[in-house]
Amino acid sequence: SLKWQGIITTVLTATVYCISLLPYVVLRVGESIIKVDDESKSFFHTSFFRVAISLLSLNYISNFYIYSLTVPGFRDFVRSRMQLSHLLFTSLETSSASHGGRRTETE
């Protein structure tokens, strides 16, 4: 039903958001606690920093897949746009092939 679809979408989106934000929060809290002389040699300030920042993008990337799995209207919209794009590229290839791969003066 529509109610459960909304609940599942919201819970999944919030869960992924929290998971992707958690390392960044740990990084910011840890930076105030962990003091080192040379941050470039510290695992926490180099490698963990990269992981935390990279995981922030997990939230943005996952939203497309969560909505595709849980919202039929979004899935139908994406499918229709993909079909439209396929038709456009197919027609461009066909018109290009019919002119020997070269554009004519009228194009």
C-alpha atoms as a PDB file:
ATOM      1  CA  SER A   1       0.000   0.000   0.000  1.00  0.00           C
ATOM      2  CA  LEU A   2       0.981   3.622  -0.402  1.00  0.00           C
ATOM      3  CA  LYS A   3       1.410   4.113   3.349  1.00  0.00           C
ATOM      4  CA  TRP A   4       3.905   1.234   3.711  1.00  0.00           C
ATOM      5  CA  GLN A   5       5.727   2.339   0.576  1.00  0.00           C
ATOM      6  CA  GLY A   6       6.279   5.776   2.142  1.00  0.00           C
ATOM      7  CA  ILE A   7       7.339   4.304   5.474  1.00  0.00           C
ATOM      8  CA  ILE A   8       9.834   1.913   3.886  1.00  0.00           C
ATOM      9  CA  THR A   9      11.268   4.663   1.674  1.00  0.00           C
ATOM     10  CA  THR A  10      11.644   7.021   4.631  1.00  0.00           C
ATOM     11  CA  VAL A  11      13.212   4.402   6.912  1.00  0.00           C
ATOM     12  CA  LEU A  12      15.700   3.259   4.265  1.00  0.00           C
ATOM     13  CA  THR A  13      16.641   6.810   3.344  1.00  0.00           C
ATOM     14  CA  ALA A  14      17.114   7.818   6.995  1.00  0.00           C
ATOM     15  CA  THR A  15      19.119   4.666   7.765  1.00  0.00           C
ATOM     16  CA  VAL A  16      21.516   5.177   4.872  1.00  0.00           C
ATOM     17  CA  TYR A  17      21.845   8.859   5.805  1.00  0.00           C
ATOM     18  CA  CYS A  18      22.806   7.988   9.377  1.00  0.00           C
ATOM     19  CA  ILE A  19      25.248   5.296   8.260  1.00  0.00           C
ATOM     20  CA  SER A  20      26.901   7.639   5.767  1.00  0.00           C
ATOM     21  CA  LEU A  21      27.108  10.512   8.256  1.00  0.00           C
ATOM     22  CA  LEU A  22      28.400   8.537  11.244  1.00  0.00           C
ATOM     23  CA  PRO A  23      32.086   8.324  10.165  1.00  0.00           C
ATOM     24  CA  TYR A  24      32.102  12.078   9.493  1.00  0.00           C
ATOM     25  CA  VAL A  25      30.741  12.790  12.972  1.00  0.00           C
ATOM     26  CA  VAL A  26      33.387  10.486  14.470  1.00  0.00           C
ATOM     27  CA  LEU A  27      36.018  12.339  12.439  1.00  0.00           C
ATOM     28  CA  ARG A  28      34.938  15.763  13.688  1.00  0.00           C
ATOM     29  CA  VAL A  29      34.684  14.651  17.319  1.00  0.00           C
ATOM     30  CA  GLY A  30      37.978  12.768  17.053  1.00  0.00           C
ATOM     31  CA  GLU A  31      39.786  15.778  15.607  1.00  0.00           C
ATOM     32  CA  SER A  32      38.977  17.757  18.721  1.00  0.00           C
ATOM     33  CA  ILE A  33      40.206  14.936  20.969  1.00  0.00           C
ATOM     34  CA  ILE A  34      43.186  13.530  19.060  1.00  0.00           C
ATOM     35  CA  LYS A  35      46.090  15.972  18.849  1.00  0.00           C
ATOM     36  CA  VAL A  36      49.199  15.033  16.876  1.00  0.00           C
ATOM     37  CA  ASP A  37      52.271  16.973  15.844  1.00  0.00           C
ATOM     38  CA  ASP A  38      52.223  15.919  12.189  1.00  0.00           C
ATOM     39  CA  GLU A  39      48.696  15.293  10.880  1.00  0.00           C
ATOM     40  CA  SER A  40      50.033  14.099   7.512  1.00  0.00           C
ATOM     41  CA  LYS A  41      51.459  10.984   9.225  1.00  0.00           C
ATOM     42  CA  SER A  42      48.378  10.228  11.289  1.00  0.00           C
ATOM     43  CA  PHE A  43      46.074   7.447  10.048  1.00  0.00           C
ATOM     44  CA  PHE A  44      43.113   9.206  11.602  1.00  0.00           C
ATOM     45  CA  HIS A  45      43.809  12.516   9.864  1.00  0.00           C
ATOM     46  CA  THR A  46      44.588  11.023   6.445  1.00  0.00           C
ATOM     47  CA  SER A  47      42.994   7.648   5.704  1.00  0.00           C
ATOM     48  CA  PHE A  48      40.018   7.916   8.029  1.00  0.00           C
ATOM     49  CA  PHE A  49      39.399  11.430   6.725  1.00  0.00           C
ATOM     50  CA  ARG A  50      39.198  10.078   3.150  1.00  0.00           C
ATOM     51  CA  VAL A  51      36.845   7.261   4.162  1.00  0.00           C
ATOM     52  CA  ALA A  52      34.565   9.609   6.103  1.00  0.00           C
ATOM     53  CA  ILE A  53      34.318  12.105   3.251  1.00  0.00           C
ATOM     54  CA  SER A  54      33.783   9.342   0.680  1.00  0.00           C
ATOM     55  CA  LEU A  55      30.976   7.783   2.687  1.00  0.00           C
ATOM     56  CA  LEU A  56      29.111  11.084   2.671  1.00  0.00           C
ATOM     57  CA  SER A  57      28.473  10.515  -1.030  1.00  0.00           C
ATOM     58  CA  LEU A  58      26.891   7.154  -0.214  1.00  0.00           C
ATOM     59  CA  ASN A  59      23.760   9.017   0.825  1.00  0.00           C
ATOM     60  CA  TYR A  60      23.390  10.791  -2.525  1.00  0.00           C
ATOM     61  CA  ILE A  61      24.158   7.710  -4.567  1.00  0.00           C
ATOM     62  CA  SER A  62      21.829   5.435  -2.614  1.00  0.00           C
ATOM     63  CA  ASN A  63      18.766   7.680  -2.916  1.00  0.00           C
ATOM     64  CA  PHE A  64      18.356   6.799  -6.597  1.00  0.00           C
ATOM     65  CA  TYR A  65      18.389   3.070  -5.812  1.00  0.00           C
ATOM     66  CA  ILE A  66      16.131   3.358  -2.767  1.00  0.00           C
ATOM     67  CA  TYR A  67      13.529   5.295  -4.751  1.00  0.00           C
ATOM     68  CA  SER A  68      13.843   2.899  -7.694  1.00  0.00           C
ATOM     69  CA  LEU A  69      13.198  -0.075  -5.408  1.00  0.00           C
ATOM     70  CA  THR A  70      10.392   1.395  -3.318  1.00  0.00           C
ATOM     71  CA  VAL A  71       8.506   3.934  -5.468  1.00  0.00           C
ATOM     72  CA  PRO A  72       6.813   2.445  -8.553  1.00  0.00           C
ATOM     73  CA  GLY A  73       6.043   5.911  -9.969  1.00  0.00           C
ATOM     74  CA  PHE A  74       9.715   6.871  -9.854  1.00  0.00           C
ATOM     75  CA  ARG A  75      10.671   3.556 -11.435  1.00  0.00           C
ATOM     76  CA  ASP A  76       8.144   4.138 -14.246  1.00  0.00           C
ATOM     77  CA  PHE A  77       9.453   7.681 -14.761  1.00  0.00           C
ATOM     78  CA  VAL A  78      13.060   6.467 -15.051  1.00  0.00           C
ATOM     79  CA  ARG A  79      12.033   3.664 -17.398  1.00  0.00           C
ATOM     80  CA  SER A  80      10.112   6.075 -19.663  1.00  0.00           C
ATOM     81  CA  ARG A  81      13.054   8.502 -19.797  1.00  0.00           C
ATOM     82  CA  MET A  82      15.428   5.671 -20.629  1.00  0.00           C
ATOM     83  CA  GLN A  83      13.150   4.524 -23.444  1.00  0.00           C
ATOM     84  CA  LEU A  84      12.901   8.090 -24.752  1.00  0.00           C
ATOM     85  CA  SER A  85      16.693   8.438 -24.673  1.00  0.00           C
ATOM     86  CA  HIS A  86      17.068   5.119 -26.479  1.00  0.00           C
ATOM     87  CA  LEU A  87      14.662   6.266 -29.199  1.00  0.00           C
ATOM     88  CA  LEU A  88      16.523   9.562 -29.562  1.00  0.00           C
ATOM     89  CA  PHE A  89      19.933   7.923 -29.894  1.00  0.00           C
ATOM     90  CA  THR A  90      18.572   5.265 -32.245  1.00  0.00           C
ATOM     91  CA  SER A  91      17.064   7.917 -34.512  1.00  0.00           C
ATOM     92  CA  LEU A  92      20.309   9.917 -34.451  1.00  0.00           C
ATOM     93  CA  GLU A  93      22.306   6.820 -35.414  1.00  0.00           C
ATOM     94  CA  THR A  94      19.836   6.000 -38.177  1.00  0.00           C
ATOM     95  CA  SER A  95      19.916   9.507 -39.654  1.00  0.00           C
ATOM     96  CA  SER A  96      23.705   9.594 -39.407  1.00  0.00           C
ATOM     97  CA  ALA A  97      24.036   6.196 -41.111  1.00  0.00           C
ATOM     98  CA  SER A  98      21.654   7.160 -43.912  1.00  0.00           C
ATOM     99  CA  HIS A  99      23.920  10.099 -44.780  1.00  0.00           C
ATOM    100  CA  GLY A 100      27.057   7.990 -44.758  1.00  0.00           C
ATOM    101  CA  GLY A 101      28.115   9.248 -41.373  1.00  0.00           C
ATOM    102  CA  ARG A 102      28.330  12.827 -42.650  1.00  0.00           C
ATOM    103  CA  ARG A 103      25.977  15.680 -42.030  1.00  0.00           C
ATOM    104  CA  THR A 104      24.322  17.279 -45.030  1.00  0.00           C
ATOM    105  CA  GLU A 105      23.916  20.987 -45.728  1.00  0.00           C
ATOM    106  CA  THR A 106      20.259  20.897 -44.584  1.00  0.00           C
ATOM    107  CA  GLU A 107      21.067  19.454 -41.140  1.00  0.00           C
END
